[in-house]
Amino acid sequence: MDREDLRKAMQQAQEMQIDLVKAQAELANTEISGVSANGKVMVSMTAQGEFQSVKIDPTLLGEGLSSVETSLLQALKNVSERAAEMTKTRLAQISKGIGL
């Protein structure tokens, strides 16, 4: 690798670092919602995993503790999967931008 190639590689690494910092800030400010299969529980969090809110349809409470627990778990899994996919997509865009 000659000096010019090394300089280009260093420049790409710096650009990627800047893009990663920007992506982290973007993901920290992006709110995502996940919903249970029955639609009675909604959980919101940032794409970096900071939970923001939980909303439970009051009618679910009458269905028993097991239903509430199941619905809450489904909503948590749904929002976590959506956040992971968003993060993966964003990182792929950064990597693609520098030819990785």
PDB file of N, CA and C in Angstrom:
ATOM      1  N   MET A   1       0.848  -1.178   0.000  1.00  0.00           N
ATOM      2  CA  MET A   1       0.000   0.000   0.000  1.00  0.00           C
ATOM      3  C   MET A   1       0.893   1.239   0.000  1.00  0.00           C
ATOM      4  N   ASP A   2       0.711   2.094  -1.001  1.00  0.00           N
ATOM      5  CA  ASP A   2       1.528   3.308  -1.048  1.00  0.00           C
ATOM      6  C   ASP A   2       0.904   4.408  -0.194  1.00  0.00           C
ATOM      7  N   ARG A   3       1.585   5.522  -0.121  1.00  0.00           N
ATOM      8  CA  ARG A   3       1.144   6.627   0.746  1.00  0.00           C
ATOM      9  C   ARG A   3      -0.238   7.152   0.361  1.00  0.00           C
ATOM     10  N   GLU A   4      -0.497   7.225  -0.922  1.00  0.00           N
ATOM     11  CA  GLU A   4      -1.798   7.741  -1.384  1.00  0.00           C
ATOM     12  C   GLU A   4      -2.932   6.812  -0.951  1.00  0.00           C
ATOM     13  N   ASP A   5      -2.721   5.506  -1.081  1.00  0.00           N
ATOM     14  CA  ASP A   5      -3.724   4.543  -0.636  1.00  0.00           C
ATOM     15  C   ASP A   5      -3.943   4.644   0.869  1.00  0.00           C
ATOM     16  N   LEU A   6      -2.862   4.808   1.597  1.00  0.00           N
ATOM     17  CA  LEU A   6      -2.955   4.942   3.054  1.00  0.00           C
ATOM     18  C   LEU A   6      -3.714   6.213   3.429  1.00  0.00           C
ATOM     19  N   ARG A   7      -3.437   7.299   2.723  1.00  0.00           N
ATOM     20  CA  ARG A   7      -4.129   8.569   2.988  1.00  0.00           C
ATOM     21  C   ARG A   7      -5.627   8.416   2.725  1.00  0.00           C
ATOM     22  N   LYS A   8      -5.973   7.758   1.622  1.00  0.00           N
ATOM     23  CA  LYS A   8      -7.392   7.541   1.292  1.00  0.00           C
ATOM     24  C   LYS A   8      -8.067   6.669   2.338  1.00  0.00           C
ATOM     25  N   ALA A   9      -7.386   5.637   2.789  1.00  0.00           N
ATOM     26  CA  ALA A   9      -7.941   4.754   3.814  1.00  0.00           C
ATOM     27  C   ALA A   9      -8.177   5.509   5.118  1.00  0.00           C
ATOM     28  N   MET A  10      -7.233   6.364   5.482  1.00  0.00           N
ATOM     29  CA  MET A  10      -7.372   7.165   6.698  1.00  0.00           C
ATOM     30  C   MET A  10      -8.539   8.147   6.565  1.00  0.00           C
ATOM     31  N   GLN A  11      -8.690   8.734   5.410  1.00  0.00           N
ATOM     32  CA  GLN A  11      -9.779   9.674   5.173  1.00  0.00           C
ATOM     33  C   GLN A  11     -11.125   8.949   5.260  1.00  0.00           C
ATOM     34  N   GLN A  12     -11.203   7.758   4.668  1.00  0.00           N
ATOM     35  CA  GLN A  12     -12.441   6.968   4.736  1.00  0.00           C
ATOM     36  C   GLN A  12     -12.777   6.597   6.175  1.00  0.00           C
ATOM     37  N   ALA A  13     -11.761   6.253   6.948  1.00  0.00           N
ATOM     38  CA  ALA A  13     -11.986   5.896   8.353  1.00  0.00           C
ATOM     39  C   ALA A  13     -12.517   7.096   9.127  1.00  0.00           C
ATOM     40  N   GLN A  14     -11.974   8.269   8.868  1.00  0.00           N
ATOM     41  CA  GLN A  14     -12.457   9.478   9.538  1.00  0.00           C
ATOM     42  C   GLN A  14     -13.897   9.790   9.146  1.00  0.00           C
ATOM     43  N   GLU A  15     -14.202   9.637   7.865  1.00  0.00           N
ATOM     44  CA  GLU A  15     -15.564   9.887   7.390  1.00  0.00           C
ATOM     45  C   GLU A  15     -16.543   8.894   8.014  1.00  0.00           C
ATOM     46  N   MET A  16     -16.117   7.656   8.124  1.00  0.00           N
ATOM     47  CA  MET A  16     -16.982   6.647   8.731  1.00  0.00           C
ATOM     48  C   MET A  16     -17.224   6.967  10.207  1.00  0.00           C
ATOM     49  N   GLN A  17     -16.191   7.413  10.898  1.00  0.00           N
ATOM     50  CA  GLN A  17     -16.337   7.775  12.308  1.00  0.00           C
ATOM     51  C   GLN A  17     -17.340   8.921  12.460  1.00  0.00           C
ATOM     52  N   ILE A  18     -17.254   9.917  11.609  1.00  0.00           N
ATOM     53  CA  ILE A  18     -18.201  11.036  11.644  1.00  0.00           C
ATOM     54  C   ILE A  18     -19.614  10.541  11.360  1.00  0.00           C
ATOM     55  N   ASP A  19     -19.762   9.684  10.359  1.00  0.00           N
ATOM     56  CA  ASP A  19     -21.071   9.127  10.024  1.00  0.00           C
ATOM     57  C   ASP A  19     -21.641   8.303  11.177  1.00  0.00           C
ATOM     58  N   LEU A  20     -20.793   7.551  11.866  1.00  0.00           N
ATOM     59  CA  LEU A  20     -21.257   6.753  13.001  1.00  0.00           C
ATOM     60  C   LEU A  20     -21.748   7.627  14.145  1.00  0.00           C
ATOM     61  N   VAL A  21     -21.053   8.707  14.413  1.00  0.00           N
ATOM     62  CA  VAL A  21     -21.479   9.638  15.474  1.00  0.00           C
ATOM     63  C   VAL A  21     -22.826  10.258  15.104  1.00  0.00           C
ATOM     64  N   LYS A  22     -22.958  10.654  13.842  1.00  0.00           N
ATOM     65  CA  LYS A  22     -24.236  11.210  13.372  1.00  0.00           C
ATOM     66  C   LYS A  22     -25.359  10.182  13.491  1.00  0.00           C
ATOM     67  N   ALA A  23     -25.068   8.942  13.125  1.00  0.00           N
ATOM     68  CA  ALA A  23     -26.078   7.879  13.196  1.00  0.00           C
ATOM     69  C   ALA A  23     -26.497   7.621  14.633  1.00  0.00           C
ATOM     70  N   GLN A  24     -25.547   7.624  15.558  1.00  0.00           N
ATOM     71  CA  GLN A  24     -25.882   7.424  16.972  1.00  0.00           C
ATOM     72  C   GLN A  24     -26.819   8.520  17.458  1.00  0.00           C
ATOM     73  N   ALA A  25     -26.541   9.748  17.103  1.00  0.00           N
ATOM     74  CA  ALA A  25     -27.402  10.860  17.516  1.00  0.00           C
ATOM     75  C   ALA A  25     -28.779  10.729  16.891  1.00  0.00           C
ATOM     76  N   GLU A  26     -28.806  10.346  15.629  1.00  0.00           N
ATOM     77  CA  GLU A  26     -30.078  10.159  14.930  1.00  0.00           C
ATOM     78  C   GLU A  26     -30.901   9.045  15.589  1.00  0.00           C
ATOM     79  N   LEU A  27     -30.257   7.932  15.884  1.00  0.00           N
ATOM     80  CA  LEU A  27     -30.957   6.806  16.496  1.00  0.00           C
ATOM     81  C   LEU A  27     -31.422   7.134  17.919  1.00  0.00           C
ATOM     82  N   ALA A  28     -30.651   7.939  18.623  1.00  0.00           N
ATOM     83  CA  ALA A  28     -31.029   8.325  19.982  1.00  0.00           C
ATOM     84  C   ALA A  28     -32.280   9.196  19.979  1.00  0.00           C
ATOM     85  N   ASN A  29     -32.522   9.888  18.875  1.00  0.00           N
ATOM     86  CA  ASN A  29     -33.668  10.787  18.775  1.00  0.00           C
ATOM     87  C   ASN A  29     -34.822  10.211  17.963  1.00  0.00           C
ATOM     88  N   THR A  30     -34.686   8.986  17.518  1.00  0.00           N
ATOM     89  CA  THR A  30     -35.746   8.345  16.734  1.00  0.00           C
ATOM     90  C   THR A  30     -36.568   7.450  17.640  1.00  0.00           C
ATOM     91  N   GLU A  31     -37.855   7.749  17.742  1.00  0.00           N
ATOM     92  CA  GLU A  31     -38.737   6.947  18.582  1.00  0.00           C
ATOM     93  C   GLU A  31     -39.473   5.918  17.732  1.00  0.00           C
ATOM     94  N   ILE A  32     -39.514   4.706  18.245  1.00  0.00           N
ATOM     95  CA  ILE A  32     -40.139   3.577  17.553  1.00  0.00           C
ATOM     96  C   ILE A  32     -41.210   2.997  18.472  1.00  0.00           C
ATOM     97  N   SER A  33     -42.290   2.523  17.873  1.00  0.00           N
ATOM     98  CA  SER A  33     -43.350   1.891  18.659  1.00  0.00           C
ATOM     99  C   SER A  33     -43.483   0.433  18.266  1.00  0.00           C
ATOM    100  N   GLY A  34     -43.812  -0.382  19.250  1.00  0.00           N
ATOM    101  CA  GLY A  34     -44.091  -1.790  19.019  1.00  0.00           C
ATOM    102  C   GLY A  34     -45.437  -2.121  19.639  1.00  0.00           C
ATOM    103  N   VAL A  35     -46.146  -3.045  19.031  1.00  0.00           N
ATOM    104  CA  VAL A  35     -47.497  -3.367  19.479  1.00  0.00           C
ATOM    105  C   VAL A  35     -47.629  -4.871  19.676  1.00  0.00           C
ATOM    106  N   SER A  36     -48.450  -5.232  20.644  1.00  0.00           N
ATOM    107  CA  SER A  36     -48.733  -6.652  20.869  1.00  0.00           C
ATOM    108  C   SER A  36     -49.608  -7.185  19.743  1.00  0.00           C
ATOM    109  N   ALA A  37     -49.674  -8.504  19.634  1.00  0.00           N
ATOM    110  CA  ALA A  37     -50.452  -9.143  18.569  1.00  0.00           C
ATOM    111  C   ALA A  37     -51.923  -8.741  18.634  1.00  0.00           C
ATOM    112  N   ASN A  38     -52.451  -8.563  19.840  1.00  0.00           N
ATOM    113  CA  ASN A  38     -53.859  -8.197  19.980  1.00  0.00           C
ATOM    114  C   ASN A  38     -54.077  -6.688  19.902  1.00  0.00           C
ATOM    115  N   GLY A  39     -52.996  -5.917  19.773  1.00  0.00           N
ATOM    116  CA  GLY A  39     -53.095  -4.471  19.647  1.00  0.00           C
ATOM    117  C   GLY A  39     -53.432  -3.738  20.932  1.00  0.00           C
ATOM    118  N   LYS A  40     -53.402  -4.427  22.058  1.00  0.00           N
ATOM    119  CA  LYS A  40     -53.820  -3.812  23.312  1.00  0.00           C
ATOM    120  C   LYS A  40     -52.678  -3.266  24.158  1.00  0.00           C
ATOM    121  N   VAL A  41     -51.436  -3.496  23.726  1.00  0.00           N
ATOM    122  CA  VAL A  41     -50.277  -2.938  24.422  1.00  0.00           C
ATOM    123  C   VAL A  41     -49.368  -2.305  23.386  1.00  0.00           C
ATOM    124  N   MET A  42     -48.929  -1.061  23.675  1.00  0.00           N
ATOM    125  CA  MET A  42     -47.987  -0.378  22.803  1.00  0.00           C
ATOM    126  C   MET A  42     -46.816   0.103  23.655  1.00  0.00           C
ATOM    127  N   VAL A  43     -45.615  -0.167  23.175  1.00  0.00           N
ATOM    128  CA  VAL A  43     -44.395   0.251  23.859  1.00  0.00           C
ATOM    129  C   VAL A  43     -43.612   1.140  22.898  1.00  0.00           C
ATOM    130  N   SER A  44     -43.113   2.260  23.412  1.00  0.00           N
ATOM    131  CA  SER A  44     -42.295   3.162  22.603  1.00  0.00           C
ATOM    132  C   SER A  44     -40.906   3.254  23.214  1.00  0.00           C
ATOM    133  N   MET A  45     -39.907   3.323  22.332  1.00  0.00           N
ATOM    134  CA  MET A  45     -38.527   3.491  22.780  1.00  0.00           C
ATOM    135  C   MET A  45     -37.724   4.159  21.681  1.00  0.00           C
ATOM    136  N   THR A  46     -36.540   4.651  22.051  1.00  0.00           N
ATOM    137  CA  THR A  46     -35.654   5.188  21.021  1.00  0.00           C
ATOM    138  C   THR A  46     -35.001   4.007  20.315  1.00  0.00           C
ATOM    139  N   ALA A  47     -34.443   4.296  19.153  1.00  0.00           N
ATOM    140  CA  ALA A  47     -33.770   3.240  18.398  1.00  0.00           C
ATOM    141  C   ALA A  47     -32.523   2.734  19.105  1.00  0.00           C
ATOM    142  N   GLN A  48     -32.047   3.474  20.127  1.00  0.00           N
ATOM    143  CA  GLN A  48     -30.903   3.020  20.910  1.00  0.00           C
ATOM    144  C   GLN A  48     -31.330   2.249  22.149  1.00  0.00           C
ATOM    145  N   GLY A  49     -32.618   2.006  22.318  1.00  0.00           N
ATOM    146  CA  GLY A  49     -33.068   1.139  23.396  1.00  0.00           C
ATOM    147  C   GLY A  49     -33.537   1.812  24.668  1.00  0.00           C
ATOM    148  N   GLU A  50     -33.729   3.116  24.645  1.00  0.00           N
ATOM    149  CA  GLU A  50     -34.232   3.808  25.832  1.00  0.00           C
ATOM    150  C   GLU A  50     -35.762   3.840  25.761  1.00  0.00           C
ATOM    151  N   PHE A  51     -36.402   3.132  26.694  1.00  0.00           N
ATOM    152  CA  PHE A  51     -37.856   3.057  26.688  1.00  0.00           C
ATOM    153  C   PHE A  51     -38.466   4.403  27.041  1.00  0.00           C
ATOM    154  N   GLN A  52     -39.532   4.764  26.331  1.00  0.00           N
ATOM    155  CA  GLN A  52     -40.183   6.053  26.498  1.00  0.00           C
ATOM    156  C   GLN A  52     -41.563   5.929  27.143  1.00  0.00           C
ATOM    157  N   SER A  53     -42.339   4.924  26.725  1.00  0.00           N
ATOM    158  CA  SER A  53     -43.690   4.799  27.272  1.00  0.00           C
ATOM    159  C   SER A  53     -44.248   3.393  27.062  1.00  0.00           C
ATOM    160  N   VAL A  54     -45.241   3.093  27.888  1.00  0.00           N
ATOM    161  CA  VAL A  54     -46.006   1.851  27.770  1.00  0.00           C
ATOM    162  C   VAL A  54     -47.472   2.236  27.884  1.00  0.00           C
ATOM    163  N   LYS A  55     -48.273   1.784  26.938  1.00  0.00           N
ATOM    164  CA  LYS A  55     -49.705   2.054  26.983  1.00  0.00           C
ATOM    165  C   LYS A  55     -50.436   0.722  26.943  1.00  0.00           C
ATOM    166  N   ILE A  56     -51.345   0.534  27.904  1.00  0.00           N
ATOM    167  CA  ILE A  56     -52.111  -0.703  27.997  1.00  0.00           C
ATOM    168  C   ILE A  56     -53.594  -0.364  27.902  1.00  0.00           C
ATOM    169  N   ASP A  57     -54.271  -1.001  26.976  1.00  0.00           N
ATOM    170  CA  ASP A  57     -55.714  -0.834  26.845  1.00  0.00           C
ATOM    171  C   ASP A  57     -56.357  -1.353  28.131  1.00  0.00           C
ATOM    172  N   PRO A  58     -57.140  -0.544  28.814  1.00  0.00           N
ATOM    173  CA  PRO A  58     -57.733  -0.959  30.083  1.00  0.00           C
ATOM    174  C   PRO A  58     -58.572  -2.236  29.995  1.00  0.00           C
ATOM    175  N   THR A  59     -59.123  -2.525  28.817  1.00  0.00           N
ATOM    176  CA  THR A  59     -59.927  -3.749  28.688  1.00  0.00           C
ATOM    177  C   THR A  59     -59.073  -5.003  28.843  1.00  0.00           C
ATOM    178  N   LEU A  60     -57.774  -4.871  28.570  1.00  0.00           N
ATOM    179  CA  LEU A  60     -56.870  -6.015  28.711  1.00  0.00           C
ATOM    180  C   LEU A  60     -56.746  -6.446  30.168  1.00  0.00           C
ATOM    181  N   LEU A  61     -56.844  -5.505  31.070  1.00  0.00           N
ATOM    182  CA  LEU A  61     -56.707  -5.819  32.494  1.00  0.00           C
ATOM    183  C   LEU A  61     -57.774  -6.810  32.956  1.00  0.00           C
ATOM    184  N   GLY A  62     -58.941  -6.757  32.349  1.00  0.00           N
ATOM    185  CA  GLY A  62     -60.023  -7.677  32.680  1.00  0.00           C
ATOM    186  C   GLY A  62     -59.797  -9.087  32.157  1.00  0.00           C
ATOM    187  N   GLU A  63     -58.806  -9.259  31.293  1.00  0.00           N
ATOM    188  CA  GLU A  63     -58.525 -10.570  30.715  1.00  0.00           C
ATOM    189  C   GLU A  63     -57.557 -11.385  31.564  1.00  0.00           C
ATOM    190  N   GLY A  64     -57.059 -10.791  32.638  1.00  0.00           N
ATOM    191  CA  GLY A  64     -56.197 -11.525  33.551  1.00  0.00           C
ATOM    192  C   GLY A  64     -54.730 -11.196  33.383  1.00  0.00           C
ATOM    193  N   LEU A  65     -53.993 -11.508  34.435  1.00  0.00           N
ATOM    194  CA  LEU A  65     -52.564 -11.201  34.484  1.00  0.00           C
ATOM    195  C   LEU A  65     -51.789 -11.877  33.357  1.00  0.00           C
ATOM    196  N   SER A  66     -52.096 -13.105  33.051  1.00  0.00           N
ATOM    197  CA  SER A  66     -51.391 -13.839  32.008  1.00  0.00           C
ATOM    198  C   SER A  66     -51.506 -13.134  30.651  1.00  0.00           C
ATOM    199  N   SER A  67     -52.689 -12.631  30.343  1.00  0.00           N
ATOM    200  CA  SER A  67     -52.898 -11.913  29.076  1.00  0.00           C
ATOM    201  C   SER A  67     -52.104 -10.622  29.038  1.00  0.00           C
ATOM    202  N   VAL A  68     -52.075  -9.925  30.168  1.00  0.00           N
ATOM    203  CA  VAL A  68     -51.309  -8.681  30.246  1.00  0.00           C
ATOM    204  C   VAL A  68     -49.822  -8.973  30.046  1.00  0.00           C
ATOM    205  N   GLU A  69     -49.309  -9.992  30.734  1.00  0.00           N
ATOM    206  CA  GLU A  69     -47.897 -10.348  30.619  1.00  0.00           C
ATOM    207  C   GLU A  69     -47.538 -10.756  29.194  1.00  0.00           C
ATOM    208  N   THR A  70     -48.372 -11.577  28.576  1.00  0.00           N
ATOM    209  CA  THR A  70     -48.125 -12.035  27.210  1.00  0.00           C
ATOM    210  C   THR A  70     -48.125 -10.872  26.233  1.00  0.00           C
ATOM    211  N   SER A  71     -49.113 -10.006  26.368  1.00  0.00           N
ATOM    212  CA  SER A  71     -49.216  -8.853  25.464  1.00  0.00           C
ATOM    213  C   SER A  71     -48.049  -7.895  25.647  1.00  0.00           C
ATOM    214  N   LEU A  72     -47.653  -7.659  26.876  1.00  0.00           N
ATOM    215  CA  LEU A  72     -46.526  -6.771  27.140  1.00  0.00           C
ATOM    216  C   LEU A  72     -45.245  -7.343  26.537  1.00  0.00           C
ATOM    217  N   LEU A  73     -45.030  -8.632  26.721  1.00  0.00           N
ATOM    218  CA  LEU A  73     -43.842  -9.276  26.155  1.00  0.00           C
ATOM    219  C   LEU A  73     -43.841  -9.189  24.629  1.00  0.00           C
ATOM    220  N   GLN A  74     -44.988  -9.394  24.004  1.00  0.00           N
ATOM    221  CA  GLN A  74     -45.078  -9.294  22.548  1.00  0.00           C
ATOM    222  C   GLN A  74     -44.729  -7.889  22.071  1.00  0.00           C
ATOM    223  N   ALA A  75     -45.241  -6.879  22.758  1.00  0.00           N
ATOM    224  CA  ALA A  75     -44.967  -5.487  22.372  1.00  0.00           C
ATOM    225  C   ALA A  75     -43.482  -5.157  22.552  1.00  0.00           C
ATOM    226  N   LEU A  76     -42.888  -5.639  23.646  1.00  0.00           N
ATOM    227  CA  LEU A  76     -41.462  -5.403  23.883  1.00  0.00           C
ATOM    228  C   LEU A  76     -40.606  -6.063  22.800  1.00  0.00           C
ATOM    229  N   LYS A  77     -40.941  -7.288  22.449  1.00  0.00           N
ATOM    230  CA  LYS A  77     -40.201  -7.979  21.385  1.00  0.00           C
ATOM    231  C   LYS A  77     -40.359  -7.251  20.055  1.00  0.00           C
ATOM    232  N   ASN A  78     -41.571  -6.804  19.770  1.00  0.00           N
ATOM    233  CA  ASN A  78     -41.846  -6.119  18.518  1.00  0.00           C
ATOM    234  C   ASN A  78     -41.044  -4.834  18.396  1.00  0.00           C
ATOM    235  N   VAL A  79     -41.032  -4.021  19.440  1.00  0.00           N
ATOM    236  CA  VAL A  79     -40.299  -2.757  19.373  1.00  0.00           C
ATOM    237  C   VAL A  79     -38.794  -3.003  19.340  1.00  0.00           C
ATOM    238  N   SER A  80     -38.319  -4.010  20.047  1.00  0.00           N
ATOM    239  CA  SER A  80     -36.884  -4.327  20.027  1.00  0.00           C
ATOM    240  C   SER A  80     -36.444  -4.786  18.644  1.00  0.00           C
ATOM    241  N   GLU A  81     -37.239  -5.609  18.000  1.00  0.00           N
ATOM    242  CA  GLU A  81     -36.922  -6.074  16.649  1.00  0.00           C
ATOM    243  C   GLU A  81     -36.900  -4.910  15.664  1.00  0.00           C
ATOM    244  N   ARG A  82     -37.856  -4.007  15.795  1.00  0.00           N
ATOM    245  CA  ARG A  82     -37.913  -2.856  14.902  1.00  0.00           C
ATOM    246  C   ARG A  82     -36.702  -1.945  15.101  1.00  0.00           C
ATOM    247  N   ALA A  83     -36.295  -1.748  16.357  1.00  0.00           N
ATOM    248  CA  ALA A  83     -35.126  -0.913  16.652  1.00  0.00           C
ATOM    249  C   ALA A  83     -33.856  -1.559  16.103  1.00  0.00           C
ATOM    250  N   ALA A  84     -33.725  -2.861  16.280  1.00  0.00           N
ATOM    251  CA  ALA A  84     -32.543  -3.570  15.772  1.00  0.00           C
ATOM    252  C   ALA A  84     -32.471  -3.487  14.254  1.00  0.00           C
ATOM    253  N   GLU A  85     -33.599  -3.630  13.595  1.00  0.00           N
ATOM    254  CA  GLU A  85     -33.628  -3.568  12.139  1.00  0.00           C
ATOM    255  C   GLU A  85     -33.265  -2.163  11.652  1.00  0.00           C
ATOM    256  N   MET A  86     -33.776  -1.144  12.342  1.00  0.00           N
ATOM    257  CA  MET A  86     -33.455   0.231  11.962  1.00  0.00           C
ATOM    258  C   MET A  86     -31.958   0.500  12.127  1.00  0.00           C
ATOM    259  N   THR A  87     -31.391   0.039  13.220  1.00  0.00           N
ATOM    260  CA  THR A  87     -29.961   0.224  13.473  1.00  0.00           C
ATOM    261  C   THR A  87     -29.131  -0.511  12.433  1.00  0.00           C
ATOM    262  N   LYS A  88     -29.516  -1.737  12.142  1.00  0.00           N
ATOM    263  CA  LYS A  88     -28.808  -2.540  11.141  1.00  0.00           C
ATOM    264  C   LYS A  88     -28.842  -1.862   9.770  1.00  0.00           C
ATOM    265  N   THR A  89     -29.995  -1.350   9.398  1.00  0.00           N
ATOM    266  CA  THR A  89     -30.142  -0.670   8.109  1.00  0.00           C
ATOM    267  C   THR A  89     -29.271   0.579   8.048  1.00  0.00           C
ATOM    268  N   ARG A  90     -29.275   1.338   9.126  1.00  0.00           N
ATOM    269  CA  ARG A  90     -28.481   2.582   9.163  1.00  0.00           C
ATOM    270  C   ARG A  90     -26.987   2.282   9.070  1.00  0.00           C
ATOM    271  N   LEU A  91     -26.530   1.268   9.795  1.00  0.00           N
ATOM    272  CA  LEU A  91     -25.112   0.899   9.744  1.00  0.00           C
ATOM    273  C   LEU A  91     -24.723   0.355   8.370  1.00  0.00           C
ATOM    274  N   ALA A  92     -25.635  -0.360   7.742  1.00  0.00           N
ATOM    275  CA  ALA A  92     -25.379  -0.874   6.394  1.00  0.00           C
ATOM    276  C   ALA A  92     -25.213   0.275   5.404  1.00  0.00           C
ATOM    277  N   GLN A  93     -26.023   1.329   5.573  1.00  0.00           N
ATOM    278  CA  GLN A  93     -25.901   2.497   4.702  1.00  0.00           C
ATOM    279  C   GLN A  93     -24.522   3.145   4.857  1.00  0.00           C
ATOM    280  N   ILE A  94     -24.054   3.240   6.096  1.00  0.00           N
ATOM    281  CA  ILE A  94     -22.737   3.838   6.340  1.00  0.00           C
ATOM    282  C   ILE A  94     -21.643   2.985   5.713  1.00  0.00           C
ATOM    283  N   SER A  95     -21.715   1.675   5.935  1.00  0.00           N
ATOM    284  CA  SER A  95     -20.711   0.766   5.395  1.00  0.00           C
ATOM    285  C   SER A  95     -20.688   0.789   3.876  1.00  0.00           C
ATOM    286  N   LYS A  96     -21.871   0.822   3.284  1.00  0.00           N
ATOM    287  CA  LYS A  96     -21.982   0.836   1.826  1.00  0.00           C
ATOM    288  C   LYS A  96     -21.377   2.130   1.263  1.00  0.00           C
ATOM    289  N   GLY A  97     -21.544   3.214   2.012  1.00  0.00           N
ATOM    290  CA  GLY A  97     -21.033   4.508   1.571  1.00  0.00           C
ATOM    291  C   GLY A  97     -19.523   4.563   1.444  1.00  0.00           C
ATOM    292  N   ILE A  98     -18.836   3.688   2.196  1.00  0.00           N
ATOM    293  CA  ILE A  98     -17.371   3.687   2.100  1.00  0.00           C
ATOM    294  C   ILE A  98     -16.846   2.423   1.414  1.00  0.00           C
ATOM    295  N   GLY A  99     -17.765   1.661   0.848  1.00  0.00           N
ATOM    296  CA  GLY A  99     -17.353   0.518   0.052  1.00  0.00           C
ATOM    297  C   GLY A  99     -17.047  -0.746   0.823  1.00  0.00           C
ATOM    298  N   LEU A 100     -17.635  -0.908   2.020  1.00  0.00           N
ATOM    299  CA  LEU A 100     -17.409  -2.152   2.778  1.00  0.00           C
ATOM    300  C   LEU A 100     -18.498  -3.159   2.484  1.00  0.00           C
TER     301      LEU A 100
END
